[in-house]
């Protein structure tokens, strides 16, 4: 009898030991979560505004290694980087990781935007957005972009000695987005929306404390002002479509309103149209203006790159009649210009990090990552990795002359895998057309050479990127 009791006791103790050692092996990543909710958010956001976030992350990597934990924007966070990490996140199944963003983003931009959706809903909304943003559709909007860009330089640059390039380019990209995404042409309403979106951006990436006078609170209030404007716009466009005074592919909103499923029901709800219009306006307006501003600084700093781009663009111009608009075929010939833009995105990505929500416990590199956490990828830490991009700190557009030479999941300015940004082609067109007219029509230099920028959350030049300009040819 005692032998049986001893045997069962031994089995029980052994089982407990195995269970404990199994759970002990599933340890959390090294690091600290800091204070509840706040965590490392204030320190990290401060580093971003000082443009020292890359050094801030490198310090954590030196201290904790390539896999660590922290708390950012109100949630426990797994921080990882590198090509393998990018592949894991972008190819992970939707049952483990979800594309949900930090609550400050989802609450300001809306919970039905494409970044918040997964599974069937994500596929449905992405398909709807691509019905407008795919290349074969965007071809018809090249001339409209061209006209908007020419008009902007004619009104705001011609005859000027100095220009605050970044605010000017932000206004330009907003006007393009306003025209083609929500269908609002030059008007007082467009000017009001520009101011509202500028205010909205202040709290998109912030600690989600909804108290008076916080950035987050102000952005929520601004979001509440933008939504009624878009709701009225949807009603107007729906009526115009019904009366035949608007056509389905006039802009993104008319395109989305016109989509029908097999039951002849609307593919997207009004809430989904509004949330995605806001998200695309933010993404297209800010990221494109940042890229163009960085290119303006680059071309002022490096005459050889300016000359190489001018040579390509002048070759396109000489085959066109005076006043003739650019075409899709013209843009396909701007390969060197886009290589320079891609290298600029590699070295200074407008999107500094990418978030995912953890839906269930999983193991990564031997560590337990609990359900409810978020995963944060750093684009810059991958882009500046010498093992992926040799001599990563050297500006070399030749890296992008041959797409096959760029390793998969290493250049992630527009995401990766099935989550490639649906607005990528739109941003490319906007950038190439703008650069075409900039280099063909203007010579410029920086008023304050060596000026730095902060990230809030996108790069923002402290002096507005003030430049002295001269006309290259008569406008």
Protein backbone atom coordinates (compact mmCIF):
# COMPACT_ATOMS: atom_id res chain seq x y z
CA UNK A 1 0.00 0.00 0.00
CA UNK A 2 2.77 2.43 0.97
CA UNK A 3 4.58 1.54 -2.23
CA UNK A 4 1.52 2.49 -4.30
CA UNK A 5 1.09 5.79 -2.42
CA UNK A 6 4.78 6.56 -2.88
CA UNK A 7 4.52 5.71 -6.58
CA UNK A 8 1.50 8.00 -7.16
CA UNK A 9 3.13 10.78 -5.13
CA UNK A 10 6.26 10.44 -7.26
CA UNK A 11 4.22 10.60 -10.47
CA UNK A 12 2.35 13.66 -9.19
CA UNK A 13 5.55 15.49 -8.19
CA UNK A 14 7.16 14.60 -11.50
CA UNK A 15 4.14 15.94 -13.40
CA UNK A 16 4.21 19.19 -11.42
CA UNK A 17 7.94 19.51 -12.06
CA UNK A 18 7.53 18.97 -15.80
CA UNK A 19 4.67 21.47 -15.93
CA UNK A 20 6.66 24.09 -14.04
CA UNK A 21 9.78 23.61 -16.13
CA UNK A 22 7.69 23.76 -19.30
CA UNK A 23 6.09 27.06 -18.24
CA UNK A 24 9.43 28.40 -17.05
CA UNK A 25 10.90 27.74 -20.49
CA UNK A 26 8.17 29.92 -21.96
CA UNK A 27 9.52 33.05 -20.39
CA UNK A 28 8.66 36.57 -21.43
CA UNK A 29 11.20 38.53 -23.48
CA UNK A 30 13.74 40.60 -21.55
CA UNK A 31 13.00 44.24 -20.91
CA UNK A 32 10.68 46.33 -18.77
CA UNK A 33 7.04 47.36 -19.10
CA UNK A 34 7.55 50.47 -16.96
CA UNK A 35 4.62 52.28 -15.37
CA UNK A 36 1.09 51.04 -16.19
CA UNK A 37 -0.29 52.48 -19.47
CA UNK A 38 2.53 55.03 -19.76
CA UNK A 39 5.39 52.51 -19.97
CA UNK A 40 8.16 53.87 -22.21
CA UNK A 41 5.76 55.97 -24.33
CA UNK A 42 6.84 59.40 -23.12
CA UNK A 43 10.52 58.57 -23.45
CA UNK A 44 10.05 57.07 -26.91
CA UNK A 45 7.86 59.89 -28.23
CA UNK A 46 10.36 62.41 -26.86
CA UNK A 47 13.15 60.63 -28.74
CA UNK A 48 11.07 60.74 -31.92
CA UNK A 49 10.53 64.47 -31.61
CA UNK A 50 14.29 64.92 -31.15
CA UNK A 51 14.94 62.60 -34.13
CA UNK A 52 16.92 60.27 -31.87
CA UNK A 53 14.46 57.35 -31.93
CA UNK A 54 16.89 55.16 -33.89
CA UNK A 55 19.52 55.61 -31.16
CA UNK A 56 16.81 55.00 -28.52
CA UNK A 57 15.99 51.64 -30.11
CA UNK A 58 19.66 50.74 -30.58
CA UNK A 59 20.23 51.30 -26.86
CA UNK A 60 17.45 48.81 -26.09
CA UNK A 61 18.92 46.29 -28.52
CA UNK A 62 22.35 46.61 -26.90
CA UNK A 63 20.79 46.20 -23.45
CA UNK A 64 18.22 43.46 -24.10
CA UNK A 65 19.10 41.90 -27.46
CA UNK A 66 17.11 41.67 -30.72
CA UNK A 67 13.89 40.56 -28.97
CA UNK A 68 12.60 42.60 -26.04
CA UNK A 69 9.47 43.81 -24.30
CA UNK A 70 8.32 47.32 -23.43
CA UNK A 71 5.07 49.26 -23.14
CA UNK A 72 4.22 51.70 -25.92
CA UNK A 73 1.04 53.74 -26.38
CA UNK A 74 -0.83 51.97 -23.60
CA UNK A 75 -0.06 48.32 -24.41
CA UNK A 76 2.64 45.74 -23.54
CA UNK A 77 4.75 45.45 -26.67
CA UNK A 78 7.11 42.95 -28.28
CA UNK A 79 9.84 44.87 -30.11
CA UNK A 80 11.55 43.02 -32.97
CA UNK A 81 13.32 44.00 -36.17
CA UNK A 82 15.13 42.57 -39.16
CA UNK A 83 14.30 40.64 -42.30
CA UNK A 84 13.21 37.45 -40.48
CA UNK A 85 11.02 39.46 -38.09
CA UNK A 86 9.41 41.31 -41.00
CA UNK A 87 8.68 38.05 -42.78
CA UNK A 88 7.18 36.55 -39.63
CA UNK A 89 4.86 39.51 -39.06
CA UNK A 90 3.80 40.09 -42.67
CA UNK A 91 3.20 36.40 -43.40
CA UNK A 92 1.72 35.41 -40.02
CA UNK A 93 -1.78 33.94 -40.11
CA UNK A 94 -4.68 36.16 -39.10
CA UNK A 95 -5.50 33.96 -36.12
CA UNK A 96 -2.26 34.89 -34.35
CA UNK A 97 -1.58 38.49 -35.32
CA UNK A 98 -4.08 41.13 -36.32
CA UNK A 99 -3.35 44.43 -38.02
CA UNK A 100 -5.11 46.43 -35.31
CA UNK A 101 -3.20 49.59 -34.47
CA UNK A 102 -2.61 51.30 -31.11
CA UNK A 103 -5.86 52.63 -29.68
CA UNK A 104 -4.90 56.26 -30.33
CA UNK A 105 -4.86 55.51 -34.09
CA UNK A 106 -8.02 53.41 -34.21
CA UNK A 107 -10.07 55.79 -32.06
CA UNK A 108 -9.06 58.85 -34.06
CA UNK A 109 -9.23 57.32 -37.53
CA UNK A 110 -12.12 54.91 -36.96
CA UNK A 111 -12.29 51.22 -36.15
CA UNK A 112 -13.47 50.17 -39.62
CA UNK A 113 -10.41 51.40 -41.52
CA UNK A 114 -8.36 48.82 -43.39
CA UNK A 115 -5.55 48.78 -40.83
CA UNK A 116 -8.00 47.62 -38.16
CA UNK A 117 -9.60 44.81 -40.14
CA UNK A 118 -8.66 41.18 -40.65
CA UNK A 119 -9.91 38.07 -42.43
CA UNK A 120 -12.92 38.46 -44.70
CA UNK A 121 -13.51 42.10 -43.74
CA UNK A 122 -9.93 43.06 -44.59
CA UNK A 123 -10.13 41.24 -47.92
CA UNK A 124 -13.47 42.90 -48.75
CA UNK A 125 -12.32 46.43 -47.90
CA UNK A 126 -8.91 45.98 -49.54
CA UNK A 127 -10.59 44.74 -52.71
CA UNK A 128 -12.90 47.76 -52.69
CA UNK A 129 -10.01 50.20 -52.24
CA UNK A 130 -7.95 48.52 -54.96
CA UNK A 131 -10.84 48.93 -57.37
CA UNK A 132 -9.81 52.61 -57.34
CA UNK A 133 -6.09 52.43 -56.47
CA UNK A 134 -4.92 49.72 -58.90
CA UNK A 135 -2.61 50.91 -61.72
CA UNK A 136 -5.01 50.31 -64.60
CA UNK A 137 -7.54 52.66 -62.92
CA UNK A 138 -5.01 55.26 -61.76
CA UNK A 139 -3.83 55.75 -65.35
CA UNK A 140 -6.87 57.92 -66.02
CA UNK A 141 -5.95 60.26 -63.14
CA UNK A 142 -2.40 61.12 -64.29
CA UNK A 143 -3.59 64.17 -66.22
CA UNK A 144 -5.64 65.42 -63.26
CA UNK A 145 -2.63 65.08 -60.93
CA UNK A 146 -0.49 66.83 -63.53
CA UNK A 147 -2.89 69.79 -63.74
CA UNK A 148 -3.12 70.11 -59.94
CA UNK A 149 0.67 70.11 -59.57
CA UNK A 150 1.25 72.63 -62.38
CA UNK A 151 -1.39 74.93 -60.92
CA UNK A 152 0.19 74.75 -57.46
CA UNK A 153 3.66 75.73 -58.69
CA UNK A 154 2.18 78.49 -60.84
CA UNK A 155 0.24 79.96 -57.89
CA UNK A 156 2.62 79.39 -54.98
CA UNK A 157 6.17 79.20 -56.41
CA UNK A 158 6.32 81.31 -59.55
CA UNK A 159 7.84 84.73 -58.91
CA UNK A 160 8.87 83.88 -55.34
CA UNK A 161 12.42 84.21 -54.05
CA UNK A 162 11.92 81.92 -51.06
CA UNK A 163 9.41 79.18 -50.29
CA UNK A 164 8.68 77.16 -47.16
CA UNK A 165 8.87 73.94 -49.12
CA UNK A 166 7.41 71.49 -46.63
CA UNK A 167 4.15 73.36 -45.83
CA UNK A 168 3.76 74.14 -49.52
CA UNK A 169 4.23 70.51 -50.55
CA UNK A 170 1.87 69.36 -47.78
CA UNK A 171 -0.79 71.70 -49.17
CA UNK A 172 -0.14 70.31 -52.66
CA UNK A 173 -0.44 66.66 -51.64
CA UNK A 174 -3.55 67.41 -49.60
CA UNK A 175 -5.16 69.13 -52.58
CA UNK A 176 -4.39 66.12 -54.79
CA UNK A 177 -5.82 63.74 -52.20
CA UNK A 178 -8.83 65.97 -51.64
CA UNK A 179 -9.60 66.06 -55.34
CA UNK A 180 -9.08 62.39 -56.16
CA UNK A 181 -10.02 60.68 -52.89
CA UNK A 182 -12.98 62.65 -51.54
CA UNK A 183 -13.77 64.70 -54.64
CA UNK A 184 -13.54 68.20 -53.15
CA UNK A 185 -12.04 70.69 -55.57
CA UNK A 186 -10.62 74.12 -54.75
CA UNK A 187 -13.02 75.71 -52.24
CA UNK A 188 -13.43 77.04 -48.71
CA UNK A 189 -14.48 73.54 -47.64
CA UNK A 190 -11.14 72.13 -48.83
CA UNK A 191 -9.25 74.81 -46.90
CA UNK A 192 -11.20 73.96 -43.74
CA UNK A 193 -10.49 70.25 -44.16
CA UNK A 194 -6.77 70.94 -44.62
CA UNK A 195 -6.67 72.72 -41.26
CA UNK A 196 -8.67 69.96 -39.59
CA UNK A 197 -6.42 67.17 -40.91
CA UNK A 198 -3.32 69.06 -39.76
CA UNK A 199 -4.84 69.23 -36.25
CA UNK A 200 -5.95 65.60 -36.43
CA UNK A 201 -2.38 64.42 -37.01
CA UNK A 202 -1.18 65.91 -33.72
CA UNK A 203 -2.74 63.16 -31.62
CA UNK A 204 -2.83 60.16 -33.95
CA UNK A 205 0.25 58.77 -32.24
CA UNK A 206 -0.07 59.65 -28.56
CA UNK A 207 -0.71 58.16 -25.14
CA UNK A 208 -4.50 57.56 -25.26
CA UNK A 209 -5.44 59.73 -22.27
CA UNK A 210 -8.78 61.33 -23.12
CA UNK A 211 -8.41 64.32 -20.82
CA UNK A 212 -8.98 67.97 -21.77
CA UNK A 213 -5.96 69.68 -23.34
CA UNK A 214 -4.20 66.42 -24.24
CA UNK A 215 -3.18 65.82 -27.86
CA UNK A 216 -5.35 62.71 -27.96
CA UNK A 217 -8.41 64.60 -26.75
CA UNK A 218 -7.91 67.39 -29.30
CA UNK A 219 -7.58 64.88 -32.13
CA UNK A 220 -10.76 63.08 -31.07
CA UNK A 221 -12.60 66.39 -31.16
CA UNK A 222 -11.23 67.18 -34.62
CA UNK A 223 -12.21 63.72 -35.85
CA UNK A 224 -15.72 64.52 -34.65
CA UNK A 225 -15.70 67.63 -36.86
CA UNK A 226 -14.39 65.85 -39.96
CA UNK A 227 -16.93 63.02 -39.89
CA UNK A 228 -20.09 65.14 -40.37
CA UNK A 229 -18.44 66.85 -43.36
CA UNK A 230 -17.75 63.45 -44.94
CA UNK A 231 -21.24 62.19 -44.06
CA UNK A 232 -22.77 65.17 -45.90
CA UNK A 233 -20.39 64.56 -48.79
CA UNK A 234 -21.49 60.91 -49.07
CA UNK A 235 -25.14 61.95 -49.15
CA UNK A 236 -24.41 64.50 -51.89
CA UNK A 237 -22.43 62.03 -53.99
CA UNK A 238 -25.00 59.27 -53.57
CA UNK A 239 -27.71 61.65 -54.84
CA UNK A 240 -25.48 62.81 -57.71
CA UNK A 241 -24.85 59.21 -58.76
CA UNK A 242 -28.57 58.49 -58.70
CA UNK A 243 -29.31 61.56 -60.85
CA UNK A 244 -26.46 60.89 -63.28
CA UNK A 245 -24.55 64.09 -62.44
CA UNK A 246 -21.59 62.08 -61.08
CA UNK A 247 -19.93 58.96 -62.47
CA UNK A 248 -18.69 55.88 -60.57
CA UNK A 249 -14.95 56.45 -60.93
CA UNK A 250 -15.00 60.20 -60.42
CA UNK A 251 -13.13 59.80 -57.11
CA UNK A 252 -12.62 57.20 -54.39
CA UNK A 253 -15.92 57.89 -52.64
CA UNK A 254 -18.05 57.63 -55.79
CA UNK A 255 -16.16 54.43 -56.65
CA UNK A 256 -16.89 52.90 -53.24
CA UNK A 257 -20.53 54.01 -53.30
CA UNK A 258 -20.98 52.36 -56.71
CA UNK A 259 -19.63 48.93 -55.73
CA UNK A 260 -22.23 46.17 -55.40
CA UNK A 261 -21.96 42.53 -54.32
CA UNK A 262 -23.75 39.52 -55.82
CA UNK A 263 -26.94 40.44 -53.92
CA UNK A 264 -26.74 43.99 -55.36
CA UNK A 265 -26.07 45.38 -51.88
CA UNK A 266 -23.43 47.99 -51.08
CA UNK A 267 -20.00 46.42 -50.56
CA UNK A 268 -19.03 48.95 -47.88
CA UNK A 269 -21.05 50.71 -45.19
CA UNK A 270 -20.95 54.50 -44.91
CA UNK A 271 -18.90 54.12 -41.74
CA UNK A 272 -16.32 52.03 -43.61
CA UNK A 273 -16.15 54.56 -46.44
CA UNK A 274 -15.58 57.42 -43.97
CA UNK A 275 -13.00 55.55 -41.85
CA UNK A 276 -11.02 54.48 -44.91
CA UNK A 277 -11.22 57.89 -46.54
CA UNK A 278 -9.76 59.42 -43.37
CA UNK A 279 -7.01 56.80 -43.18
CA UNK A 280 -6.06 57.16 -46.85
CA UNK A 281 -6.10 60.96 -46.61
CA UNK A 282 -3.72 60.81 -43.64
CA UNK A 283 -1.44 58.20 -45.21
CA UNK A 284 -1.30 59.81 -48.64
CA UNK A 285 -1.17 63.41 -47.52
CA UNK A 286 1.56 63.09 -44.90
CA UNK A 287 3.78 60.30 -46.22
CA UNK A 288 3.92 61.69 -49.77
CA UNK A 289 4.66 65.22 -48.56
CA UNK A 290 7.44 63.89 -46.31
CA UNK A 291 9.04 61.95 -49.18
CA UNK A 292 8.88 64.97 -51.50
CA UNK A 293 10.32 67.25 -48.80
CA UNK A 294 13.18 64.83 -48.18
CA UNK A 295 13.86 64.74 -51.93
CA UNK A 296 13.90 68.54 -52.11
CA UNK A 297 16.52 68.58 -49.34
CA UNK A 298 18.52 65.79 -50.97
CA UNK A 299 18.61 67.47 -54.39
CA UNK A 300 19.72 70.73 -52.79
CA UNK A 301 22.50 68.96 -50.88
CA UNK A 302 23.72 66.75 -53.74
CA UNK A 303 24.12 68.48 -57.13
CA UNK A 304 25.17 65.22 -58.80
CA UNK A 305 21.88 63.52 -57.92
CA UNK A 306 19.96 66.63 -58.98
CA UNK A 307 21.80 66.56 -62.33
CA UNK A 308 21.08 62.85 -62.87
CA UNK A 309 17.36 63.31 -62.21
CA UNK A 310 17.22 66.46 -64.35
CA UNK A 311 18.81 64.54 -67.23
CA UNK A 312 16.12 61.84 -67.05
CA UNK A 313 13.28 64.33 -66.72
CA UNK A 314 14.59 66.67 -69.43
CA UNK A 315 14.74 63.72 -71.82
CA UNK A 316 11.03 63.15 -71.23
CA UNK A 317 10.21 66.86 -71.61
CA UNK A 318 11.99 67.31 -74.91
CA UNK A 319 9.64 64.83 -76.58
CA UNK A 320 6.52 66.71 -75.47
CA UNK A 321 4.88 69.82 -76.89
CA UNK A 322 4.69 72.95 -74.76
CA UNK A 323 1.93 72.56 -72.21
CA UNK A 324 1.39 68.86 -72.99
CA UNK A 325 0.47 66.81 -69.93
CA UNK A 326 2.46 63.83 -68.72
CA UNK A 327 1.15 60.36 -69.50
CA UNK A 328 1.39 56.97 -67.82
CA UNK A 329 4.05 55.95 -70.35
CA UNK A 330 6.13 58.99 -69.38
CA UNK A 331 6.04 57.91 -65.75
CA UNK A 332 7.20 54.38 -66.58
CA UNK A 333 10.39 55.92 -68.01
CA UNK A 334 11.28 57.68 -64.73
CA UNK A 335 13.13 54.65 -63.36
CA UNK A 336 16.16 56.51 -61.99
CA UNK A 337 13.98 59.12 -60.29
CA UNK A 338 12.02 56.39 -58.51
CA UNK A 339 15.25 54.62 -57.51
CA UNK A 340 16.39 57.85 -55.84
CA UNK A 341 12.99 58.14 -54.13
CA UNK A 342 13.19 54.50 -52.95
CA UNK A 343 16.67 54.98 -51.51
CA UNK A 344 15.40 58.09 -49.72
CA UNK A 345 12.56 56.01 -48.26
CA UNK A 346 15.06 53.36 -47.17
CA UNK A 347 17.27 55.78 -45.28
CA UNK A 348 14.48 57.97 -43.88
CA UNK A 349 11.22 56.02 -43.90
CA UNK A 350 8.22 58.26 -43.12
CA UNK A 351 6.63 55.31 -41.28
CA UNK A 352 9.06 54.57 -38.46
CA UNK A 353 7.32 51.47 -37.09
CA UNK A 354 4.56 48.98 -37.87
CA UNK A 355 2.17 47.52 -35.29
CA UNK A 356 0.27 44.26 -34.98
CA UNK A 357 -2.11 43.02 -32.25
CA UNK A 358 -1.53 39.60 -30.63
CA UNK A 359 -4.76 37.53 -30.78
CA UNK A 360 -3.46 34.44 -28.99
CA UNK A 361 -0.39 33.30 -27.09
CA UNK A 362 2.51 32.32 -29.33
CA UNK A 363 6.23 31.66 -29.07
CA UNK A 364 8.85 33.76 -30.82
CA UNK A 365 12.55 32.93 -30.58
CA UNK A 366 11.84 30.87 -27.46
CA UNK A 367 9.85 33.58 -25.69
CA UNK A 368 6.17 33.55 -24.76
CA UNK A 369 4.21 36.43 -26.30
CA UNK A 370 0.85 36.70 -24.50
CA UNK A 371 -2.52 37.40 -26.04
CA UNK A 372 -3.42 41.10 -25.84
CA UNK A 373 0.12 42.38 -26.40
CA UNK A 374 1.14 44.21 -29.56
CA UNK A 375 4.12 43.65 -31.84
CA UNK A 376 6.18 46.62 -33.01
CA UNK A 377 8.46 46.37 -36.05
CA UNK A 378 11.01 49.07 -36.76
CA UNK A 379 11.44 49.89 -40.44
CA UNK A 380 14.61 51.92 -39.95
CA UNK A 381 16.45 49.20 -38.02
CA UNK A 382 16.00 46.82 -40.96
CA UNK A 383 16.74 49.43 -43.62
CA UNK A 384 20.02 50.42 -41.98
CA UNK A 385 21.26 46.86 -41.43
CA UNK A 386 24.62 46.40 -43.20
CA UNK A 387 24.04 42.66 -43.50
CA UNK A 388 20.99 43.38 -45.69
CA UNK A 389 22.05 46.60 -47.41
CA UNK A 390 25.87 46.73 -47.66
CA UNK A 391 27.24 50.10 -46.54
CA UNK A 392 23.72 50.94 -45.40
CA UNK A 393 24.62 54.49 -44.30
CA UNK A 394 25.74 55.34 -47.86
CA UNK A 395 23.13 56.81 -50.22
CA UNK A 396 23.10 54.52 -53.27
CA UNK A 397 20.05 54.58 -55.62
CA UNK A 398 21.62 51.76 -57.65
CA UNK A 399 20.31 49.36 -54.98
CA UNK A 400 16.84 49.79 -56.49
CA UNK A 401 17.67 49.69 -60.19
CA UNK A 402 17.08 45.96 -60.13
CA UNK A 403 14.15 44.96 -57.92
CA UNK A 404 15.42 41.38 -57.71
CA UNK A 405 18.55 42.58 -55.89
CA UNK A 406 16.50 43.81 -52.91
CA UNK A 407 15.97 40.85 -50.54
CA UNK A 408 12.34 40.00 -49.70
CA UNK A 409 10.96 41.61 -46.53
CA UNK A 410 13.94 43.97 -46.26
CA UNK A 411 12.48 47.17 -47.76
CA UNK A 412 9.23 47.73 -45.88
CA UNK A 413 8.38 51.42 -46.31
CA UNK A 414 5.12 50.28 -47.93
CA UNK A 415 4.62 47.16 -45.81
CA UNK A 416 5.22 43.63 -47.01
CA UNK A 417 3.60 40.42 -48.22
CA UNK A 418 -0.18 40.57 -48.57
CA UNK A 419 -0.16 43.79 -46.53
CA UNK A 420 1.61 45.95 -49.09
CA UNK A 421 0.08 49.45 -48.89
CA UNK A 422 -2.77 49.68 -51.45
CA UNK A 423 -1.86 53.34 -52.00
CA UNK A 424 1.71 52.57 -53.12
CA UNK A 425 1.04 53.27 -56.81
CA UNK A 426 -0.83 56.48 -56.02
CA UNK A 427 2.17 57.73 -53.99
CA UNK A 428 4.55 56.82 -56.80
CA UNK A 429 2.58 58.81 -59.39
CA UNK A 430 2.28 61.81 -57.09
CA UNK A 431 6.03 61.80 -56.38
CA UNK A 432 7.21 61.37 -59.96
CA UNK A 433 4.96 64.06 -61.45
CA UNK A 434 5.92 66.55 -58.74
CA UNK A 435 9.66 65.92 -59.13
CA UNK A 436 9.34 66.22 -62.92
CA UNK A 437 8.07 69.80 -62.66
CA UNK A 438 10.35 70.73 -59.78
CA UNK A 439 13.63 69.91 -61.52
CA UNK A 440 12.53 71.10 -64.96
CA UNK A 441 11.26 74.45 -63.71
CA UNK A 442 13.30 75.37 -60.63
CA UNK A 443 16.79 75.58 -59.18
CA UNK A 444 16.91 75.85 -55.41
CA UNK A 445 19.16 75.84 -52.39
CA UNK A 446 18.51 75.49 -48.66
CA UNK A 447 18.25 78.70 -46.65
CA UNK A 448 19.49 76.82 -43.58
CA UNK A 449 21.89 74.04 -44.65
CA UNK A 450 22.08 71.12 -42.25
CA UNK A 451 18.63 71.80 -40.78
CA UNK A 452 17.31 68.79 -38.88
CA UNK A 453 13.80 67.44 -38.45
CA UNK A 454 11.72 65.91 -35.70
CA UNK A 455 9.21 63.06 -35.93
CA UNK A 456 5.70 63.85 -34.76
CA UNK A 457 4.96 61.12 -35.87
CA UNK A 458 6.20 61.91 -39.41
CA UNK A 459 9.40 63.85 -40.14
CA UNK A 460 8.86 67.59 -39.80
CA UNK A 461 11.56 70.13 -40.68
CA UNK A 462 12.04 72.76 -37.97
CA UNK A 463 12.30 75.68 -40.42
CA UNK A 464 9.61 74.39 -42.77
CA UNK A 465 12.45 73.52 -45.18
CA UNK A 466 12.89 77.08 -46.37
CA UNK A 467 14.54 77.28 -49.81
CA UNK A 468 15.70 79.99 -52.20
CA UNK A 469 14.34 79.34 -55.68
CA UNK A 470 15.11 80.49 -59.21
CA UNK A 471 13.16 79.62 -62.35
CA UNK A 472 14.96 77.21 -64.65
CA UNK A 473 12.71 77.89 -67.62
CA UNK A 474 9.84 80.34 -68.21
CA UNK A 475 6.67 79.06 -66.57
